[in-house]
């Protein structure tokens, strides 16, 4: 919990990896996991990157650090037929500086999925907050994102396609599945390499490089301590579409501003 005197490796080192399938005892036949898989079957295209092979939904919630209570913030419609929720990163994403991206909302079935709610609670337990921030609710951003490639030689790309920091103090990525996908490896480096590609980082300066391969393999980031990157994916040799599906979760304090 936030009140613990123990400092988790995430807050101390700036990044950490987790195996949530083992942690929660989840198998491929688990109904909670299969219901989560179903949410990715018809993810709509990212309206800001329809050509990038990126599909997504997004929702926002509130976490109460003092009680562990979580609740979803109501979706907004913003003159649209289907609900859209605004996602804002200020100047942290060079592709969308100052832009509020209005993204398709998570469906109610996803919001009610007990495995997703357990993942949010686990992520919160890895975070640490000072006394001021812990006295206010935390804003929680929850993204379901799928990169998909249908054609040989094409790529599906995350945003931004460089080492970066997200702006939210803590960010977590959880692999849901990958199939017939090549690439998509993760790189962690110091903040000074923000804006560069991993190939530009001097030898020995990359802090970690790994690939999420199994369901619910995960990692977390302390945003001010590191920069991070996920490579594009390409279609593998099989006939299926190359796909990599993840849950992204971010936590931001909600201090009073007058």
C-alpha atoms as a PDB file:
ATOM      1  CA  UNK A   1       0.000   0.000   0.000  1.00  0.00           C
ATOM      2  CA  UNK A   2       0.988   3.650  -0.306  1.00  0.00           C
ATOM      3  CA  UNK A   3       1.521   3.845   3.468  1.00  0.00           C
ATOM      4  CA  UNK A   4       4.110   1.020   3.424  1.00  0.00           C
ATOM      5  CA  UNK A   5       7.660   1.898   4.442  1.00  0.00           C
ATOM      6  CA  UNK A   6       8.995  -0.631   1.927  1.00  0.00           C
ATOM      7  CA  UNK A   7      10.122   0.896  -1.371  1.00  0.00           C
ATOM      8  CA  UNK A   8       9.254  -1.339  -4.342  1.00  0.00           C
ATOM      9  CA  UNK A   9      11.857  -1.886  -7.040  1.00  0.00           C
ATOM     10  CA  UNK A  10       9.769   0.204  -9.461  1.00  0.00           C
ATOM     11  CA  UNK A  11      10.012   3.383  -7.406  1.00  0.00           C
ATOM     12  CA  UNK A  12      13.644   2.743  -6.496  1.00  0.00           C
ATOM     13  CA  UNK A  13      15.108   1.741  -9.879  1.00  0.00           C
ATOM     14  CA  UNK A  14      12.622   3.346 -12.259  1.00  0.00           C
ATOM     15  CA  UNK A  15      11.392   0.182 -13.968  1.00  0.00           C
ATOM     16  CA  UNK A  16      10.324  -3.332 -13.016  1.00  0.00           C
ATOM     17  CA  UNK A  17       8.964  -6.452 -14.695  1.00  0.00           C
ATOM     18  CA  UNK A  18       6.108  -8.657 -13.479  1.00  0.00           C
ATOM     19  CA  UNK A  19       4.426 -11.964 -14.293  1.00  0.00           C
ATOM     20  CA  UNK A  20       0.759 -11.390 -13.518  1.00  0.00           C
ATOM     21  CA  UNK A  21      -0.386 -14.726 -14.934  1.00  0.00           C
ATOM     22  CA  UNK A  22       1.566 -16.426 -12.149  1.00  0.00           C
ATOM     23  CA  UNK A  23       0.618 -13.770  -9.611  1.00  0.00           C
ATOM     24  CA  UNK A  24      -3.122 -14.179 -10.225  1.00  0.00           C
ATOM     25  CA  UNK A  25      -3.062 -17.846 -11.241  1.00  0.00           C
ATOM     26  CA  UNK A  26      -4.449 -17.070 -14.701  1.00  0.00           C
ATOM     27  CA  UNK A  27      -4.434 -19.702 -17.451  1.00  0.00           C
ATOM     28  CA  UNK A  28      -5.550 -19.515 -21.080  1.00  0.00           C
ATOM     29  CA  UNK A  29      -8.860 -21.146 -20.116  1.00  0.00           C
ATOM     30  CA  UNK A  30      -9.615 -18.622 -17.349  1.00  0.00           C
ATOM     31  CA  UNK A  31     -13.004 -17.028 -18.073  1.00  0.00           C
ATOM     32  CA  UNK A  32     -11.782 -13.616 -16.928  1.00  0.00           C
ATOM     33  CA  UNK A  33      -8.866 -13.773 -19.354  1.00  0.00           C
ATOM     34  CA  UNK A  34     -10.996 -15.067 -22.234  1.00  0.00           C
ATOM     35  CA  UNK A  35     -13.470 -12.244 -21.669  1.00  0.00           C
ATOM     36  CA  UNK A  36     -10.576  -9.774 -21.789  1.00  0.00           C
ATOM     37  CA  UNK A  37      -9.372 -11.330 -25.050  1.00  0.00           C
ATOM     38  CA  UNK A  38     -12.825 -10.779 -26.533  1.00  0.00           C
ATOM     39  CA  UNK A  39     -12.527  -7.027 -25.985  1.00  0.00           C
ATOM     40  CA  UNK A  40      -9.744  -6.913 -28.612  1.00  0.00           C
ATOM     41  CA  UNK A  41     -11.674  -8.723 -31.345  1.00  0.00           C
ATOM     42  CA  UNK A  42     -13.297  -5.537 -32.660  1.00  0.00           C
ATOM     43  CA  UNK A  43     -11.235  -2.676 -31.260  1.00  0.00           C
ATOM     44  CA  UNK A  44     -11.869   0.409 -33.410  1.00  0.00           C
ATOM     45  CA  UNK A  45      -8.978   2.082 -35.250  1.00  0.00           C
ATOM     46  CA  UNK A  46      -7.135   4.807 -33.393  1.00  0.00           C
ATOM     47  CA  UNK A  47      -8.770   7.889 -34.981  1.00  0.00           C
ATOM     48  CA  UNK A  48      -5.434   9.741 -34.835  1.00  0.00           C
ATOM     49  CA  UNK A  49      -3.405   6.997 -36.556  1.00  0.00           C
ATOM     50  CA  UNK A  50      -5.638   4.954 -38.827  1.00  0.00           C
ATOM     51  CA  UNK A  51      -2.682   4.239 -41.134  1.00  0.00           C
ATOM     52  CA  UNK A  52      -0.412   3.010 -38.316  1.00  0.00           C
ATOM     53  CA  UNK A  53      -2.166  -0.312 -37.697  1.00  0.00           C
ATOM     54  CA  UNK A  54      -3.150   0.863 -34.229  1.00  0.00           C
ATOM     55  CA  UNK A  55      -6.543   0.108 -32.659  1.00  0.00           C
ATOM     56  CA  UNK A  56      -7.634   1.232 -29.209  1.00  0.00           C
ATOM     57  CA  UNK A  57     -10.155   2.121 -26.545  1.00  0.00           C
ATOM     58  CA  UNK A  58      -9.618   4.358 -23.506  1.00  0.00           C
ATOM     59  CA  UNK A  59     -11.315   5.058 -20.189  1.00  0.00           C
ATOM     60  CA  UNK A  60     -10.549   7.114 -17.101  1.00  0.00           C
ATOM     61  CA  UNK A  61     -11.022   6.286 -13.446  1.00  0.00           C
ATOM     62  CA  UNK A  62     -10.360   7.500  -9.904  1.00  0.00           C
ATOM     63  CA  UNK A  63      -8.329   5.624  -7.292  1.00  0.00           C
ATOM     64  CA  UNK A  64      -8.526   6.618  -3.623  1.00  0.00           C
ATOM     65  CA  UNK A  65      -5.070   5.997  -2.091  1.00  0.00           C
ATOM     66  CA  UNK A  66      -6.385   5.987   1.479  1.00  0.00           C
ATOM     67  CA  UNK A  67      -8.999   3.268   0.927  1.00  0.00           C
ATOM     68  CA  UNK A  68      -8.026   1.410  -2.251  1.00  0.00           C
ATOM     69  CA  UNK A  69     -11.426   2.215  -3.738  1.00  0.00           C
ATOM     70  CA  UNK A  70     -11.583   2.528  -7.535  1.00  0.00           C
ATOM     71  CA  UNK A  71     -14.411   3.902  -9.671  1.00  0.00           C
ATOM     72  CA  UNK A  72     -14.787   4.734 -13.371  1.00  0.00           C
ATOM     73  CA  UNK A  73     -15.250   8.332 -14.490  1.00  0.00           C
ATOM     74  CA  UNK A  74     -18.369   8.548 -16.701  1.00  0.00           C
ATOM     75  CA  UNK A  75     -17.690   8.503 -20.431  1.00  0.00           C
ATOM     76  CA  UNK A  76     -18.230  11.645 -22.480  1.00  0.00           C
ATOM     77  CA  UNK A  77     -19.905  11.891 -25.884  1.00  0.00           C
ATOM     78  CA  UNK A  78     -18.659  15.295 -27.115  1.00  0.00           C
ATOM     79  CA  UNK A  79     -21.265  15.494 -29.917  1.00  0.00           C
ATOM     80  CA  UNK A  80     -20.513  11.919 -31.020  1.00  0.00           C
ATOM     81  CA  UNK A  81     -22.929   9.005 -31.264  1.00  0.00           C
ATOM     82  CA  UNK A  82     -20.549   6.675 -29.405  1.00  0.00           C
ATOM     83  CA  UNK A  83     -18.709   7.728 -26.237  1.00  0.00           C
ATOM     84  CA  UNK A  84     -15.267   9.310 -26.579  1.00  0.00           C
ATOM     85  CA  UNK A  85     -12.860  10.056 -23.742  1.00  0.00           C
ATOM     86  CA  UNK A  86     -10.224  12.768 -23.904  1.00  0.00           C
ATOM     87  CA  UNK A  87      -6.571  11.815 -23.438  1.00  0.00           C
ATOM     88  CA  UNK A  88      -4.048  14.623 -22.912  1.00  0.00           C
ATOM     89  CA  UNK A  89      -0.260  14.396 -22.491  1.00  0.00           C
ATOM     90  CA  UNK A  90       0.639  18.072 -22.716  1.00  0.00           C
ATOM     91  CA  UNK A  91       3.994  18.258 -24.467  1.00  0.00           C
ATOM     92  CA  UNK A  92       5.205  14.762 -23.644  1.00  0.00           C
ATOM     93  CA  UNK A  93       4.159  13.126 -26.902  1.00  0.00           C
ATOM     94  CA  UNK A  94       5.885  14.998 -29.756  1.00  0.00           C
ATOM     95  CA  UNK A  95       3.306  13.672 -32.225  1.00  0.00           C
ATOM     96  CA  UNK A  96       0.372  15.264 -30.361  1.00  0.00           C
ATOM     97  CA  UNK A  97       1.744  18.299 -28.513  1.00  0.00           C
ATOM     98  CA  UNK A  98      -1.076  20.120 -26.730  1.00  0.00           C
ATOM     99  CA  UNK A  99      -3.716  17.891 -28.369  1.00  0.00           C
ATOM    100  CA  UNK A 100      -6.609  16.316 -26.484  1.00  0.00           C
ATOM    101  CA  UNK A 101      -7.084  13.036 -28.312  1.00  0.00           C
ATOM    102  CA  UNK A 102     -10.725  11.939 -28.185  1.00  0.00           C
ATOM    103  CA  UNK A 103     -10.565   8.155 -28.158  1.00  0.00           C
ATOM    104  CA  UNK A 104     -13.293   5.488 -28.289  1.00  0.00           C
ATOM    105  CA  UNK A 105     -14.387   4.497 -24.791  1.00  0.00           C
ATOM    106  CA  UNK A 106     -13.994   1.101 -23.139  1.00  0.00           C
ATOM    107  CA  UNK A 107     -17.155  -0.958 -23.214  1.00  0.00           C
ATOM    108  CA  UNK A 108     -19.000  -1.766 -20.011  1.00  0.00           C
ATOM    109  CA  UNK A 109     -17.971  -5.417 -20.290  1.00  0.00           C
ATOM    110  CA  UNK A 110     -14.304  -4.401 -20.095  1.00  0.00           C
ATOM    111  CA  UNK A 111     -14.889  -2.074 -17.152  1.00  0.00           C
ATOM    112  CA  UNK A 112     -16.629  -4.855 -15.250  1.00  0.00           C
ATOM    113  CA  UNK A 113     -13.993  -7.494 -15.980  1.00  0.00           C
ATOM    114  CA  UNK A 114     -12.653  -8.677 -12.592  1.00  0.00           C
ATOM    115  CA  UNK A 115      -9.214  -9.470 -14.025  1.00  0.00           C
ATOM    116  CA  UNK A 116      -8.823  -5.928 -15.348  1.00  0.00           C
ATOM    117  CA  UNK A 117      -9.849  -4.540 -11.949  1.00  0.00           C
ATOM    118  CA  UNK A 118      -7.327  -6.836 -10.226  1.00  0.00           C
ATOM    119  CA  UNK A 119      -4.620  -5.564 -12.601  1.00  0.00           C
ATOM    120  CA  UNK A 120      -5.455  -1.957 -11.696  1.00  0.00           C
ATOM    121  CA  UNK A 121      -5.192  -2.755  -7.991  1.00  0.00           C
ATOM    122  CA  UNK A 122      -1.880  -4.554  -8.501  1.00  0.00           C
ATOM    123  CA  UNK A 123      -0.482  -1.586 -10.421  1.00  0.00           C
ATOM    124  CA  UNK A 124      -1.525   0.828  -7.699  1.00  0.00           C
ATOM    125  CA  UNK A 125       0.254  -1.304  -5.099  1.00  0.00           C
ATOM    126  CA  UNK A 126       3.545  -0.766  -6.970  1.00  0.00           C
ATOM    127  CA  UNK A 127       3.282   3.032  -6.830  1.00  0.00           C
ATOM    128  CA  UNK A 128       4.447   5.426  -4.127  1.00  0.00           C
ATOM    129  CA  UNK A 129       3.132   8.949  -3.452  1.00  0.00           C
ATOM    130  CA  UNK A 130       4.143  11.793  -1.200  1.00  0.00           C
ATOM    131  CA  UNK A 131       1.861  12.935   1.602  1.00  0.00           C
ATOM    132  CA  UNK A 132       0.236  15.687  -0.464  1.00  0.00           C
ATOM    133  CA  UNK A 133      -0.563  13.557  -3.516  1.00  0.00           C
ATOM    134  CA  UNK A 134      -1.822  10.682  -1.361  1.00  0.00           C
ATOM    135  CA  UNK A 135      -4.398  13.029   0.155  1.00  0.00           C
ATOM    136  CA  UNK A 136      -6.208  13.416  -3.191  1.00  0.00           C
ATOM    137  CA  UNK A 137      -7.684  10.914  -5.669  1.00  0.00           C
ATOM    138  CA  UNK A 138      -5.398   9.569  -8.382  1.00  0.00           C
ATOM    139  CA  UNK A 139      -6.468   9.835 -12.008  1.00  0.00           C
ATOM    140  CA  UNK A 140      -6.134   6.454 -13.734  1.00  0.00           C
ATOM    141  CA  UNK A 141      -5.933   6.130 -17.512  1.00  0.00           C
ATOM    142  CA  UNK A 142      -6.727   2.685 -18.927  1.00  0.00           C
ATOM    143  CA  UNK A 143      -5.948   1.916 -22.585  1.00  0.00           C
ATOM    144  CA  UNK A 144      -6.683  -1.238 -24.557  1.00  0.00           C
ATOM    145  CA  UNK A 145      -4.326  -1.093 -27.557  1.00  0.00           C
ATOM    146  CA  UNK A 146      -3.715  -3.530 -30.387  1.00  0.00           C
ATOM    147  CA  UNK A 147      -1.074  -3.246 -33.104  1.00  0.00           C
ATOM    148  CA  UNK A 148      -2.128  -5.240 -36.172  1.00  0.00           C
ATOM    149  CA  UNK A 149      -0.343  -5.922 -39.493  1.00  0.00           C
ATOM    150  CA  UNK A 150      -2.065  -7.656 -42.413  1.00  0.00           C
ATOM    151  CA  UNK A 151       0.562  -7.365 -45.141  1.00  0.00           C
ATOM    152  CA  UNK A 152       4.118  -8.665 -45.389  1.00  0.00           C
ATOM    153  CA  UNK A 153       6.633  -5.836 -45.186  1.00  0.00           C
ATOM    154  CA  UNK A 154       4.266  -3.434 -43.403  1.00  0.00           C
ATOM    155  CA  UNK A 155       4.622  -2.199 -39.812  1.00  0.00           C
ATOM    156  CA  UNK A 156       2.271  -1.259 -36.992  1.00  0.00           C
ATOM    157  CA  UNK A 157       3.682   1.516 -34.839  1.00  0.00           C
ATOM    158  CA  UNK A 158       3.214   2.739 -31.278  1.00  0.00           C
ATOM    159  CA  UNK A 159       3.193   6.441 -30.475  1.00  0.00           C
ATOM    160  CA  UNK A 160       5.657   8.017 -30.211  1.00  0.00           C
ATOM    161  CA  UNK A 161       8.096   5.846 -32.125  1.00  0.00           C
ATOM    162  CA  UNK A 162      11.117   6.898 -30.051  1.00  0.00           C
ATOM    163  CA  UNK A 163      12.419   6.775 -26.512  1.00  0.00           C
ATOM    164  CA  UNK A 164      10.030   8.931 -24.532  1.00  0.00           C
ATOM    165  CA  UNK A 165       8.433   9.798 -21.218  1.00  0.00           C
ATOM    166  CA  UNK A 166       4.661   9.790 -20.914  1.00  0.00           C
ATOM    167  CA  UNK A 167       4.106  12.555 -18.357  1.00  0.00           C
ATOM    168  CA  UNK A 168       2.136  10.406 -15.915  1.00  0.00           C
ATOM    169  CA  UNK A 169       4.287   9.552 -12.860  1.00  0.00           C
ATOM    170  CA  UNK A 170       3.685   5.784 -13.126  1.00  0.00           C
ATOM    171  CA  UNK A 171       2.878   3.781 -16.268  1.00  0.00           C
ATOM    172  CA  UNK A 172       2.308   0.027 -16.640  1.00  0.00           C
ATOM    173  CA  UNK A 173       2.090  -2.202 -19.722  1.00  0.00           C
ATOM    174  CA  UNK A 174       0.503  -5.660 -19.650  1.00  0.00           C
ATOM    175  CA  UNK A 175       0.654  -7.995 -22.636  1.00  0.00           C
ATOM    176  CA  UNK A 176      -2.708  -9.638 -23.304  1.00  0.00           C
ATOM    177  CA  UNK A 177      -1.591 -11.670 -26.315  1.00  0.00           C
ATOM    178  CA  UNK A 178       0.635 -11.665 -29.374  1.00  0.00           C
ATOM    179  CA  UNK A 179       0.200 -13.826 -32.456  1.00  0.00           C
ATOM    180  CA  UNK A 180       2.323 -14.109 -35.618  1.00  0.00           C
ATOM    181  CA  UNK A 181       4.099 -10.881 -34.679  1.00  0.00           C
ATOM    182  CA  UNK A 182       7.767 -10.033 -35.124  1.00  0.00           C
ATOM    183  CA  UNK A 183       9.259  -7.111 -33.197  1.00  0.00           C
ATOM    184  CA  UNK A 184       7.578  -5.131 -30.452  1.00  0.00           C
ATOM    185  CA  UNK A 185      10.536  -5.372 -28.066  1.00  0.00           C
ATOM    186  CA  UNK A 186      10.892  -2.874 -25.226  1.00  0.00           C
ATOM    187  CA  UNK A 187      13.888  -0.695 -24.378  1.00  0.00           C
ATOM    188  CA  UNK A 188      14.530   1.239 -21.156  1.00  0.00           C
ATOM    189  CA  UNK A 189      17.145   4.021 -20.996  1.00  0.00           C
ATOM    190  CA  UNK A 190      17.899   7.088 -18.922  1.00  0.00           C
ATOM    191  CA  UNK A 191      15.765  10.247 -19.435  1.00  0.00           C
ATOM    192  CA  UNK A 192      18.579  12.031 -21.302  1.00  0.00           C
ATOM    193  CA  UNK A 193      17.927   9.805 -24.338  1.00  0.00           C
ATOM    194  CA  UNK A 194      14.330  10.925 -24.667  1.00  0.00           C
ATOM    195  CA  UNK A 195      13.583  11.730 -28.314  1.00  0.00           C
ATOM    196  CA  UNK A 196      16.186   9.324 -29.675  1.00  0.00           C
ATOM    197  CA  UNK A 197      15.947   5.816 -31.094  1.00  0.00           C
ATOM    198  CA  UNK A 198      17.570   2.917 -29.212  1.00  0.00           C
ATOM    199  CA  UNK A 199      20.158   2.627 -32.003  1.00  0.00           C
ATOM    200  CA  UNK A 200      21.347   6.126 -31.060  1.00  0.00           C
ATOM    201  CA  UNK A 201      22.020   5.189 -27.408  1.00  0.00           C
ATOM    202  CA  UNK A 202      25.730   4.519 -26.754  1.00  0.00           C
ATOM    203  CA  UNK A 203      26.799   0.970 -26.001  1.00  0.00           C
ATOM    204  CA  UNK A 204      26.263   0.084 -22.362  1.00  0.00           C
ATOM    205  CA  UNK A 205      23.790   2.910 -21.776  1.00  0.00           C
ATOM    206  CA  UNK A 206      20.605   0.898 -22.337  1.00  0.00           C
ATOM    207  CA  UNK A 207      19.281  -0.101 -18.917  1.00  0.00           C
ATOM    208  CA  UNK A 208      17.092  -2.974 -20.096  1.00  0.00           C
ATOM    209  CA  UNK A 209      15.887  -4.583 -23.315  1.00  0.00           C
ATOM    210  CA  UNK A 210      13.233  -7.296 -23.373  1.00  0.00           C
ATOM    211  CA  UNK A 211      10.186  -8.626 -25.173  1.00  0.00           C
ATOM    212  CA  UNK A 212       6.796  -9.347 -23.636  1.00  0.00           C
ATOM    213  CA  UNK A 213       5.948 -12.777 -25.042  1.00  0.00           C
ATOM    214  CA  UNK A 214       3.485 -14.533 -22.724  1.00  0.00           C
ATOM    215  CA  UNK A 215       0.004 -13.432 -21.603  1.00  0.00           C
ATOM    216  CA  UNK A 216       0.143 -10.948 -18.702  1.00  0.00           C
ATOM    217  CA  UNK A 217       3.902 -10.452 -18.868  1.00  0.00           C
ATOM    218  CA  UNK A 218       4.142  -6.861 -17.700  1.00  0.00           C
ATOM    219  CA  UNK A 219       6.414  -3.996 -16.799  1.00  0.00           C
ATOM    220  CA  UNK A 220       6.128  -0.676 -14.990  1.00  0.00           C
ATOM    221  CA  UNK A 221       7.849   2.679 -15.386  1.00  0.00           C
ATOM    222  CA  UNK A 222       8.588   5.510 -12.964  1.00  0.00           C
ATOM    223  CA  UNK A 223       8.331   8.236 -15.567  1.00  0.00           C
ATOM    224  CA  UNK A 224      10.798  10.792 -14.243  1.00  0.00           C
ATOM    225  CA  UNK A 225      13.562   8.210 -13.785  1.00  0.00           C
ATOM    226  CA  UNK A 226      13.717   6.578 -17.239  1.00  0.00           C
ATOM    227  CA  UNK A 227      12.722   6.863 -20.886  1.00  0.00           C
ATOM    228  CA  UNK A 228      11.176   3.909 -22.696  1.00  0.00           C
ATOM    229  CA  UNK A 229      10.404   2.583 -26.168  1.00  0.00           C
ATOM    230  CA  UNK A 230       8.432  -0.155 -27.867  1.00  0.00           C
ATOM    231  CA  UNK A 231       9.464  -1.183 -31.378  1.00  0.00           C
ATOM    232  CA  UNK A 232       7.001  -1.532 -34.282  1.00  0.00           C
ATOM    233  CA  UNK A 233       5.711  -4.984 -35.103  1.00  0.00           C
ATOM    234  CA  UNK A 234       5.654  -6.763 -38.455  1.00  0.00           C
ATOM    235  CA  UNK A 235       3.698  -9.757 -39.657  1.00  0.00           C
ATOM    236  CA  UNK A 236       5.414 -13.085 -39.039  1.00  0.00           C
ATOM    237  CA  UNK A 237       5.642 -15.981 -41.523  1.00  0.00           C
ATOM    238  CA  UNK A 238       2.250 -17.469 -40.673  1.00  0.00           C
ATOM    239  CA  UNK A 239      -0.993 -16.695 -42.525  1.00  0.00           C
ATOM    240  CA  UNK A 240      -2.587 -14.883 -39.591  1.00  0.00           C
ATOM    241  CA  UNK A 241      -2.560 -11.130 -39.100  1.00  0.00           C
ATOM    242  CA  UNK A 242       0.368 -10.125 -36.894  1.00  0.00           C
ATOM    243  CA  UNK A 243      -1.037  -8.765 -33.638  1.00  0.00           C
ATOM    244  CA  UNK A 244       0.257  -7.506 -30.286  1.00  0.00           C
ATOM    245  CA  UNK A 245      -2.368  -6.498 -27.719  1.00  0.00           C
ATOM    246  CA  UNK A 246      -1.674  -4.710 -24.441  1.00  0.00           C
ATOM    247  CA  UNK A 247      -3.316  -2.948 -21.531  1.00  0.00           C
ATOM    248  CA  UNK A 248      -1.669   0.350 -20.605  1.00  0.00           C
ATOM    249  CA  UNK A 249      -2.390   1.878 -17.195  1.00  0.00           C
ATOM    250  CA  UNK A 250      -1.201   5.263 -15.953  1.00  0.00           C
ATOM    251  CA  UNK A 251      -1.549   7.053 -12.613  1.00  0.00           C
ATOM    252  CA  UNK A 252      -1.511  10.833 -12.127  1.00  0.00           C
ATOM    253  CA  UNK A 253      -2.128  12.771  -8.875  1.00  0.00           C
ATOM    254  CA  UNK A 254      -5.054  15.193  -8.734  1.00  0.00           C
ATOM    255  CA  UNK A 255      -3.826  18.033  -6.533  1.00  0.00           C
ATOM    256  CA  UNK A 256      -6.082  21.002  -5.872  1.00  0.00           C
ATOM    257  CA  UNK A 257      -5.398  23.971  -8.173  1.00  0.00           C
ATOM    258  CA  UNK A 258      -6.860  27.425  -7.456  1.00  0.00           C
END
